[in-house]
Amino acid sequence: MHLDAALDEMTRTLLSQEVQLRQQADTIRRLETLVKGLAETGTGDPGKEPPPPHY
């Protein structure tokens, strides 16, 4: 009985971690897309950026 309970708990933990891992992978994919989009819209060269307003 004790081993069954331990196995059930380990299974629940594993499934929970799998869900978290998938969520984190989705978040990383969204962040990669966002960063790529920002990199494509930027000039890439700080020298080509206009000076900040306080200059």
N, C-alpha and C. Protein backbone atom coordinates (compact mmCIF):
# COMPACT_ATOMS: atom_id res chain seq x y z
N MET A 1 0.82 -1.19 0.00
CA MET A 1 0.00 0.00 0.00
C MET A 1 0.86 1.26 0.00
N HIS A 2 1.88 1.28 0.82
CA HIS A 2 2.73 2.46 0.92
C HIS A 2 3.43 2.74 -0.40
N LEU A 3 3.87 1.70 -1.09
CA LEU A 3 4.54 1.88 -2.37
C LEU A 3 3.57 2.40 -3.43
N ASP A 4 2.33 1.97 -3.37
CA ASP A 4 1.33 2.47 -4.32
C ASP A 4 1.10 3.97 -4.12
N ALA A 5 1.04 4.40 -2.88
CA ALA A 5 0.84 5.82 -2.59
C ALA A 5 2.04 6.63 -3.06
N ALA A 6 3.23 6.10 -2.82
CA ALA A 6 4.45 6.80 -3.26
C ALA A 6 4.49 6.88 -4.78
N LEU A 7 4.12 5.81 -5.44
CA LEU A 7 4.12 5.81 -6.90
C LEU A 7 3.09 6.79 -7.45
N ASP A 8 1.91 6.84 -6.83
CA ASP A 8 0.88 7.79 -7.25
C ASP A 8 1.36 9.23 -7.08
N GLU A 9 2.01 9.50 -5.97
CA GLU A 9 2.51 10.86 -5.72
C GLU A 9 3.60 11.23 -6.73
N MET A 10 4.49 10.28 -7.02
CA MET A 10 5.54 10.55 -8.01
C MET A 10 4.94 10.77 -9.40
N THR A 11 3.90 10.04 -9.73
CA THR A 11 3.24 10.21 -11.02
C THR A 11 2.60 11.59 -11.12
N ARG A 12 1.91 12.01 -10.06
CA ARG A 12 1.29 13.35 -10.06
C ARG A 12 2.36 14.43 -10.18
N THR A 13 3.47 14.26 -9.48
CA THR A 13 4.56 15.24 -9.54
C THR A 13 5.14 15.30 -10.94
N LEU A 14 5.35 14.15 -11.54
CA LEU A 14 5.90 14.11 -12.90
C LEU A 14 4.97 14.77 -13.90
N LEU A 15 3.68 14.50 -13.80
CA LEU A 15 2.72 15.12 -14.71
C LEU A 15 2.67 16.63 -14.52
N SER A 16 2.73 17.07 -13.28
CA SER A 16 2.74 18.50 -12.99
C SER A 16 3.98 19.17 -13.59
N GLN A 17 5.12 18.51 -13.45
CA GLN A 17 6.35 19.07 -14.00
C GLN A 17 6.31 19.09 -15.52
N GLU A 18 5.69 18.11 -16.12
CA GLU A 18 5.56 18.08 -17.58
C GLU A 18 4.72 19.25 -18.07
N VAL A 19 3.64 19.54 -17.37
CA VAL A 19 2.80 20.69 -17.72
C VAL A 19 3.60 21.98 -17.60
N GLN A 20 4.33 22.12 -16.50
CA GLN A 20 5.14 23.33 -16.30
C GLN A 20 6.20 23.46 -17.39
N LEU A 21 6.82 22.37 -17.75
CA LEU A 21 7.85 22.39 -18.79
C LEU A 21 7.27 22.82 -20.13
N ARG A 22 6.11 22.31 -20.46
CA ARG A 22 5.46 22.71 -21.72
C ARG A 22 5.09 24.20 -21.70
N GLN A 23 4.61 24.68 -20.57
CA GLN A 23 4.28 26.10 -20.46
C GLN A 23 5.53 26.96 -20.61
N GLN A 24 6.62 26.54 -20.00
CA GLN A 24 7.86 27.29 -20.10
C GLN A 24 8.40 27.27 -21.53
N ALA A 25 8.28 26.15 -22.21
CA ALA A 25 8.73 26.06 -23.60
C ALA A 25 7.89 26.99 -24.47
N ASP A 26 6.58 27.05 -24.23
CA ASP A 26 5.72 27.97 -24.99
C ASP A 26 6.12 29.42 -24.72
N THR A 27 6.40 29.74 -23.48
CA THR A 27 6.82 31.10 -23.13
C THR A 27 8.13 31.45 -23.82
N ILE A 28 9.07 30.52 -23.84
CA ILE A 28 10.35 30.77 -24.51
C ILE A 28 10.14 31.00 -26.00
N ARG A 29 9.27 30.21 -26.62
CA ARG A 29 9.00 30.41 -28.06
C ARG A 29 8.40 31.79 -28.32
N ARG A 30 7.47 32.21 -27.47
CA ARG A 30 6.87 33.55 -27.64
C ARG A 30 7.91 34.64 -27.44
N LEU A 31 8.77 34.48 -26.45
CA LEU A 31 9.82 35.47 -26.21
C LEU A 31 10.82 35.52 -27.37
N GLU A 32 11.17 34.35 -27.92
CA GLU A 32 12.07 34.34 -29.08
C GLU A 32 11.46 35.09 -30.25
N THR A 33 10.18 34.88 -30.49
CA THR A 33 9.50 35.59 -31.57
C THR A 33 9.49 37.09 -31.32
N LEU A 34 9.23 37.48 -30.08
CA LEU A 34 9.22 38.89 -29.72
C LEU A 34 10.59 39.52 -29.91
N VAL A 35 11.63 38.85 -29.45
CA VAL A 35 12.99 39.39 -29.56
C VAL A 35 13.40 39.48 -31.03
N LYS A 36 13.08 38.48 -31.82
CA LYS A 36 13.40 38.52 -33.25
C LYS A 36 12.69 39.69 -33.92
N GLY A 37 11.45 39.91 -33.55
CA GLY A 37 10.70 41.03 -34.11
C GLY A 37 11.30 42.36 -33.72
N LEU A 38 11.73 42.48 -32.49
CA LEU A 38 12.37 43.72 -32.05
C LEU A 38 13.71 43.93 -32.75
N ALA A 39 14.44 42.85 -32.94
CA ALA A 39 15.74 42.96 -33.61
C ALA A 39 15.56 43.38 -35.06
N GLU A 40 14.49 42.93 -35.71
CA GLU A 40 14.26 43.28 -37.11
C GLU A 40 13.80 44.73 -37.26
N THR A 41 13.13 45.27 -36.27
CA THR A 41 12.63 46.64 -36.37
C THR A 41 13.66 47.67 -35.92
N GLY A 42 14.64 47.26 -35.14
CA GLY A 42 15.68 48.18 -34.67
C GLY A 42 16.73 48.43 -35.72
N THR A 43 17.55 49.44 -35.50
CA THR A 43 18.60 49.77 -36.46
C THR A 43 19.78 48.84 -36.31
N GLY A 44 19.97 48.28 -35.12
CA GLY A 44 21.07 47.38 -34.89
C GLY A 44 22.38 48.09 -34.61
N ASP A 45 22.46 49.38 -34.95
CA ASP A 45 23.69 50.14 -34.75
C ASP A 45 23.38 51.32 -33.83
N PRO A 46 23.90 51.31 -32.60
CA PRO A 46 23.60 52.41 -31.68
C PRO A 46 24.01 53.78 -32.23
N GLY A 47 24.99 53.82 -33.10
CA GLY A 47 25.42 55.10 -33.69
C GLY A 47 24.37 55.72 -34.59
N LYS A 48 23.46 54.90 -35.09
CA LYS A 48 22.40 55.41 -35.97
C LYS A 48 21.15 55.82 -35.21
N GLU A 49 21.14 55.56 -33.92
CA GLU A 49 20.01 55.94 -33.09
C GLU A 49 20.03 57.46 -32.86
N PRO A 50 18.87 58.10 -32.84
CA PRO A 50 18.86 59.54 -32.51
C PRO A 50 19.27 59.75 -31.06
N PRO A 51 19.85 60.88 -30.76
CA PRO A 51 20.27 61.13 -29.37
C PRO A 51 19.05 61.22 -28.46
N PRO A 52 19.22 60.89 -27.18
CA PRO A 52 18.11 61.00 -26.25
C PRO A 52 17.65 62.45 -26.13
N PRO A 53 16.41 62.67 -25.67
CA PRO A 53 15.85 64.02 -25.62
C PRO A 53 16.62 65.00 -24.74
N HIS A 54 17.37 64.54 -23.78
CA HIS A 54 18.05 65.48 -22.87
C HIS A 54 19.32 66.08 -23.48
N TYR A 55 19.68 65.72 -24.71
CA TYR A 55 20.86 66.30 -25.35
C TYR A 55 20.50 67.52 -26.14
